[in-house]
Amino acid sequence: MYYDISKRIVDIIGAIIMGILFLP
C-alpha cells in the first residue's frame, strides 16, 4: 500500500518538476 502511494507521489512530483523545467 505504502509503496503504491509513494510511487504515485513520485510520479506526480516528477511531472511537476518536468513541467517547471520545460517552462520557457
Protein backbone atom coordinates (compact mmCIF):
# COMPACT_ATOMS: atom_id res chain seq x y z
CA MET A 1 0.00 0.00 0.00
CA TYR A 2 2.62 2.49 1.10
CA TYR A 3 4.76 1.55 -1.90
CA ASP A 4 1.91 2.24 -4.32
CA ILE A 5 1.22 5.62 -2.70
CA SER A 6 4.90 6.54 -2.75
CA LYS A 7 5.21 5.57 -6.41
CA ARG A 8 2.16 7.67 -7.29
CA ILE A 9 3.53 10.64 -5.34
CA VAL A 10 6.89 10.29 -7.11
CA ASP A 11 5.11 10.26 -10.48
CA ILE A 12 3.20 13.44 -9.57
CA ILE A 13 6.33 15.20 -8.29
CA GLY A 14 8.23 14.13 -11.39
CA ALA A 15 5.50 15.52 -13.65
CA ILE A 16 5.57 18.84 -11.76
CA ILE A 17 9.36 19.05 -11.99
CA MET A 18 9.28 18.25 -15.71
CA GLY A 19 6.65 20.96 -16.24
CA ILE A 20 8.75 23.52 -14.37
CA LEU A 21 11.91 22.59 -16.29
CA PHE A 22 10.13 22.87 -19.63
CA LEU A 23 8.67 26.29 -18.84
CA PRO A 24 10.23 28.99 -21.06
